[in-house]
N, C-alpha and C. Protein backbone atom coordinates (compact mmCIF):
# COMPACT_ATOMS: atom_id res chain seq x y z
N MET A 1 -0.51 -36.60 0.96
CA MET A 1 -0.81 -35.23 1.37
C MET A 1 0.27 -34.27 0.97
N LYS A 2 1.55 -34.73 1.13
CA LYS A 2 2.66 -33.84 0.81
C LYS A 2 2.67 -33.52 -0.70
N ALA A 3 2.30 -34.50 -1.53
CA ALA A 3 2.29 -34.25 -2.99
C ALA A 3 1.26 -33.19 -3.36
N ILE A 4 0.13 -33.20 -2.65
CA ILE A 4 -0.93 -32.15 -2.92
C ILE A 4 -0.39 -30.79 -2.60
N HIS A 5 0.31 -30.65 -1.46
CA HIS A 5 0.89 -29.37 -1.06
C HIS A 5 1.89 -28.89 -2.12
N ILE A 6 2.76 -29.78 -2.55
CA ILE A 6 3.75 -29.41 -3.54
C ILE A 6 3.08 -28.99 -4.86
N LEU A 7 2.03 -29.75 -5.27
CA LEU A 7 1.30 -29.38 -6.48
C LEU A 7 0.59 -28.04 -6.37
N VAL A 8 -0.02 -27.74 -5.25
CA VAL A 8 -0.64 -26.44 -5.04
C VAL A 8 0.42 -25.33 -5.10
N LEU A 9 1.54 -25.58 -4.43
CA LEU A 9 2.60 -24.60 -4.37
C LEU A 9 3.20 -24.33 -5.79
N ALA A 10 3.38 -25.40 -6.54
CA ALA A 10 3.92 -25.26 -7.90
C ALA A 10 2.92 -24.55 -8.78
N SER A 11 1.61 -24.82 -8.63
CA SER A 11 0.58 -24.14 -9.41
C SER A 11 0.57 -22.68 -9.11
N PHE A 12 0.66 -22.30 -7.82
CA PHE A 12 0.68 -20.92 -7.41
C PHE A 12 1.89 -20.17 -7.96
N ALA A 13 3.08 -20.84 -7.92
CA ALA A 13 4.31 -20.29 -8.44
C ALA A 13 4.19 -20.04 -9.95
N ALA A 14 3.56 -20.98 -10.66
CA ALA A 14 3.39 -20.82 -12.09
C ALA A 14 2.42 -19.65 -12.39
N LEU A 15 1.39 -19.52 -11.62
CA LEU A 15 0.44 -18.42 -11.77
C LEU A 15 1.14 -17.09 -11.54
N LEU A 16 1.99 -17.00 -10.53
CA LEU A 16 2.73 -15.75 -10.26
C LEU A 16 3.68 -15.43 -11.36
N MET A 17 4.34 -16.40 -11.93
CA MET A 17 5.27 -16.19 -13.04
C MET A 17 4.51 -15.69 -14.29
N VAL A 18 3.39 -16.29 -14.60
CA VAL A 18 2.60 -15.80 -15.77
C VAL A 18 2.12 -14.40 -15.54
N ALA A 19 1.69 -14.05 -14.31
CA ALA A 19 1.24 -12.70 -14.05
C ALA A 19 2.40 -11.73 -14.14
N ALA A 20 3.58 -12.11 -13.68
CA ALA A 20 4.73 -11.19 -13.70
C ALA A 20 5.19 -10.91 -15.10
N VAL A 21 5.04 -11.88 -16.01
CA VAL A 21 5.41 -11.71 -17.40
C VAL A 21 4.53 -10.68 -18.12
N HIS A 22 3.25 -10.58 -17.68
CA HIS A 22 2.30 -9.68 -18.30
C HIS A 22 2.24 -8.30 -17.67
N LEU A 23 3.06 -8.07 -16.66
CA LEU A 23 3.12 -6.69 -16.06
C LEU A 23 3.77 -5.75 -17.05
N PRO A 24 3.40 -4.48 -17.03
CA PRO A 24 4.05 -3.50 -17.89
C PRO A 24 5.50 -3.31 -17.46
N ARG A 25 6.33 -2.89 -18.43
CA ARG A 25 7.74 -2.65 -18.07
C ARG A 25 7.85 -1.51 -17.09
N ARG A 26 8.91 -1.54 -16.32
CA ARG A 26 9.10 -0.53 -15.28
C ARG A 26 9.43 0.79 -15.93
N GLY A 27 8.64 1.84 -15.54
CA GLY A 27 8.80 3.16 -16.05
C GLY A 27 8.11 3.40 -17.35
N ASP A 28 7.24 2.46 -17.79
CA ASP A 28 6.53 2.59 -19.04
C ASP A 28 5.53 3.77 -18.97
N PRO A 29 5.66 4.78 -19.80
CA PRO A 29 4.77 5.92 -19.70
C PRO A 29 3.31 5.60 -20.13
N ASN A 30 3.13 4.51 -20.80
CA ASN A 30 1.77 4.13 -21.26
C ASN A 30 1.09 3.12 -20.30
N SER A 31 1.77 2.81 -19.20
CA SER A 31 1.11 1.88 -18.22
C SER A 31 -0.05 2.60 -17.53
N PRO A 32 -1.04 1.85 -17.05
CA PRO A 32 -2.22 2.47 -16.39
C PRO A 32 -1.81 3.36 -15.21
N ALA A 33 -0.78 3.04 -14.47
CA ALA A 33 -0.38 3.87 -13.32
C ALA A 33 0.14 5.23 -13.73
N ASN A 34 0.65 5.34 -14.94
CA ASN A 34 1.24 6.60 -15.36
C ASN A 34 0.31 7.46 -16.22
N ARG A 35 -0.88 6.99 -16.47
CA ARG A 35 -1.83 7.79 -17.20
C ARG A 35 -2.66 8.63 -16.26
N ALA A 36 -2.94 9.86 -16.65
CA ALA A 36 -3.62 10.80 -15.72
C ALA A 36 -5.14 10.88 -16.02
N GLU A 37 -5.71 9.85 -16.65
CA GLU A 37 -7.16 9.82 -16.86
C GLU A 37 -7.66 8.39 -16.79
N ASN A 38 -8.89 8.21 -16.32
CA ASN A 38 -9.44 6.89 -16.25
C ASN A 38 -10.13 6.52 -17.56
N VAL A 39 -10.83 5.38 -17.54
CA VAL A 39 -11.48 4.88 -18.74
C VAL A 39 -12.53 5.86 -19.30
N LEU A 40 -13.15 6.59 -18.43
CA LEU A 40 -14.19 7.54 -18.86
C LEU A 40 -13.63 8.91 -19.23
N LYS A 41 -12.35 8.97 -19.38
CA LYS A 41 -11.59 10.19 -19.75
C LYS A 41 -11.66 11.31 -18.68
N GLY A 42 -11.87 10.89 -17.45
CA GLY A 42 -11.85 11.88 -16.36
C GLY A 42 -10.58 11.71 -15.56
N PRO A 43 -10.27 12.70 -14.72
CA PRO A 43 -8.99 12.59 -13.91
C PRO A 43 -9.12 11.52 -12.82
N VAL A 44 -8.03 10.87 -12.57
CA VAL A 44 -7.97 9.87 -11.47
C VAL A 44 -7.58 10.61 -10.19
N ALA A 45 -7.84 9.95 -9.04
CA ALA A 45 -7.51 10.58 -7.76
C ALA A 45 -6.02 10.86 -7.61
N GLY A 46 -5.19 9.96 -8.05
CA GLY A 46 -3.72 10.18 -7.96
C GLY A 46 -3.26 11.44 -8.64
N ALA A 47 -3.86 11.72 -9.79
CA ALA A 47 -3.48 12.95 -10.51
C ALA A 47 -3.87 14.19 -9.72
N TYR A 48 -5.01 14.13 -9.06
CA TYR A 48 -5.46 15.26 -8.25
C TYR A 48 -4.44 15.49 -7.12
N TYR A 49 -4.07 14.40 -6.42
CA TYR A 49 -3.15 14.56 -5.31
C TYR A 49 -1.80 15.12 -5.76
N ILE A 50 -1.30 14.68 -6.87
CA ILE A 50 0.00 15.17 -7.39
C ILE A 50 -0.08 16.65 -7.75
N GLN A 51 -1.14 17.04 -8.45
CA GLN A 51 -1.28 18.41 -8.91
C GLN A 51 -1.64 19.43 -7.79
N ASN A 52 -2.35 18.96 -6.77
CA ASN A 52 -2.86 19.91 -5.79
C ASN A 52 -2.33 19.74 -4.37
N ALA A 53 -1.37 18.86 -4.15
CA ALA A 53 -0.89 18.63 -2.79
C ALA A 53 -0.32 19.92 -2.14
N TYR A 54 0.52 20.61 -2.88
CA TYR A 54 1.10 21.85 -2.32
C TYR A 54 0.08 22.95 -2.18
N LEU A 55 -0.89 23.06 -3.12
CA LEU A 55 -1.89 24.08 -3.04
C LEU A 55 -2.85 23.89 -1.89
N ASP A 56 -3.14 22.62 -1.58
CA ASP A 56 -4.10 22.33 -0.51
C ASP A 56 -3.49 22.49 0.89
N ALA A 57 -2.21 22.09 1.07
CA ALA A 57 -1.64 22.04 2.42
C ALA A 57 -0.45 22.95 2.65
N LYS A 58 0.09 23.54 1.55
CA LYS A 58 1.26 24.39 1.67
C LYS A 58 2.48 23.69 2.30
N THR A 59 2.59 22.35 1.98
CA THR A 59 3.67 21.53 2.42
C THR A 59 4.37 20.95 1.22
N PRO A 60 5.71 21.12 1.08
CA PRO A 60 6.41 20.68 -0.13
C PRO A 60 6.52 19.18 -0.24
N ASN A 61 6.38 18.43 0.80
CA ASN A 61 6.51 16.98 0.78
C ASN A 61 5.13 16.33 0.49
N MET A 62 4.96 15.77 -0.67
CA MET A 62 3.66 15.20 -1.09
C MET A 62 3.23 14.01 -0.21
N VAL A 63 4.20 13.19 0.21
CA VAL A 63 3.86 12.05 1.08
C VAL A 63 3.28 12.51 2.39
N THR A 64 3.88 13.52 2.94
CA THR A 64 3.36 14.10 4.22
C THR A 64 1.97 14.66 4.04
N VAL A 65 1.72 15.32 2.96
CA VAL A 65 0.36 15.86 2.71
C VAL A 65 -0.65 14.75 2.63
N ILE A 66 -0.36 13.69 1.89
CA ILE A 66 -1.32 12.59 1.74
C ILE A 66 -1.55 11.91 3.06
N LEU A 67 -0.45 11.58 3.81
CA LEU A 67 -0.63 10.84 5.07
C LEU A 67 -1.23 11.69 6.14
N ALA A 68 -0.80 12.95 6.28
CA ALA A 68 -1.27 13.76 7.38
C ALA A 68 -2.55 14.52 7.10
N ASP A 69 -2.74 15.02 5.89
CA ASP A 69 -3.90 15.82 5.60
C ASP A 69 -5.04 15.05 4.97
N TYR A 70 -4.75 14.42 3.84
CA TYR A 70 -5.81 13.75 3.15
C TYR A 70 -6.31 12.50 3.86
N ARG A 71 -5.36 11.73 4.47
CA ARG A 71 -5.72 10.47 5.13
C ARG A 71 -5.41 10.54 6.64
N GLY A 72 -5.67 11.68 7.22
CA GLY A 72 -5.32 11.80 8.65
C GLY A 72 -6.01 10.89 9.60
N PHE A 73 -7.32 10.72 9.48
CA PHE A 73 -8.02 9.80 10.37
C PHE A 73 -7.63 8.37 10.13
N ASP A 74 -7.39 7.96 8.91
CA ASP A 74 -6.97 6.61 8.63
C ASP A 74 -5.60 6.33 9.21
N THR A 75 -4.68 7.28 9.07
CA THR A 75 -3.34 7.13 9.64
C THR A 75 -3.39 7.08 11.17
N LEU A 76 -4.29 7.88 11.78
CA LEU A 76 -4.45 7.86 13.20
C LEU A 76 -4.90 6.46 13.65
N GLY A 77 -5.86 5.90 12.92
CA GLY A 77 -6.37 4.54 13.27
C GLY A 77 -5.29 3.51 13.17
N GLU A 78 -4.46 3.57 12.10
CA GLU A 78 -3.39 2.62 11.92
C GLU A 78 -2.37 2.76 13.08
N THR A 79 -2.10 3.99 13.49
CA THR A 79 -1.13 4.23 14.56
C THR A 79 -1.68 3.67 15.87
N VAL A 80 -2.97 3.81 16.13
CA VAL A 80 -3.54 3.28 17.36
C VAL A 80 -3.47 1.74 17.36
N VAL A 81 -3.71 1.14 16.24
CA VAL A 81 -3.64 -0.35 16.14
C VAL A 81 -2.24 -0.84 16.42
N VAL A 82 -1.20 -0.20 15.79
CA VAL A 82 0.16 -0.59 16.03
C VAL A 82 0.59 -0.36 17.45
N PHE A 83 0.16 0.75 18.05
CA PHE A 83 0.47 1.03 19.44
C PHE A 83 -0.15 -0.02 20.35
N ALA A 84 -1.43 -0.35 20.08
CA ALA A 84 -2.10 -1.36 20.92
C ALA A 84 -1.40 -2.72 20.78
N GLY A 85 -0.97 -3.07 19.59
CA GLY A 85 -0.21 -4.32 19.43
C GLY A 85 1.07 -4.32 20.19
N GLY A 86 1.78 -3.21 20.15
CA GLY A 86 3.04 -3.09 20.92
C GLY A 86 2.82 -3.20 22.44
N VAL A 87 1.81 -2.56 22.94
CA VAL A 87 1.48 -2.62 24.35
C VAL A 87 1.10 -4.07 24.77
N ALA A 88 0.32 -4.71 23.89
CA ALA A 88 -0.06 -6.12 24.14
C ALA A 88 1.18 -7.03 24.18
N CYS A 89 2.13 -6.81 23.26
CA CYS A 89 3.37 -7.62 23.25
C CYS A 89 4.16 -7.33 24.53
N LEU A 90 4.29 -6.09 24.92
CA LEU A 90 5.04 -5.78 26.18
C LEU A 90 4.35 -6.42 27.39
N TYR A 91 3.06 -6.43 27.39
CA TYR A 91 2.30 -7.01 28.51
C TYR A 91 2.55 -8.52 28.54
N LEU A 92 2.53 -9.17 27.43
CA LEU A 92 2.65 -10.64 27.33
C LEU A 92 4.11 -11.07 27.60
N LEU A 93 5.07 -10.28 27.19
CA LEU A 93 6.45 -10.69 27.29
C LEU A 93 7.20 -10.12 28.54
N ARG A 94 6.49 -9.40 29.41
CA ARG A 94 7.15 -8.83 30.57
C ARG A 94 7.59 -9.94 31.50
N ARG A 95 8.63 -9.59 32.26
CA ARG A 95 9.10 -10.57 33.25
C ARG A 95 8.46 -10.31 34.60
N ARG A 96 8.07 -11.41 35.22
CA ARG A 96 7.50 -11.25 36.57
C ARG A 96 8.58 -11.55 37.61
N THR A 97 8.71 -10.68 38.55
CA THR A 97 9.69 -10.88 39.62
C THR A 97 8.89 -11.31 40.86
N SER A 98 9.06 -12.58 41.22
CA SER A 98 8.38 -13.05 42.42
C SER A 98 9.31 -13.79 43.30
């Protein structure tokens, strides 16, 4: 059984190394993440956010605009989940004085 686990782990490590070799170089201007159009020659969503973040929200920080304005409800949901997890941990780990 241990040999199977090692074989699966080695196979997964080899797969990750092959995938890492085929990644574009860091900062490559021709990589898909740095191109401002998709396969159909239309603009991608990221390009819209970069070009219109200040115009839409009048906030100079682009990360704040995306998290607070564009994805506000999603961020609120994530915050509620993290808060609920924290409250559950406090409830489970509290000390009882008896």
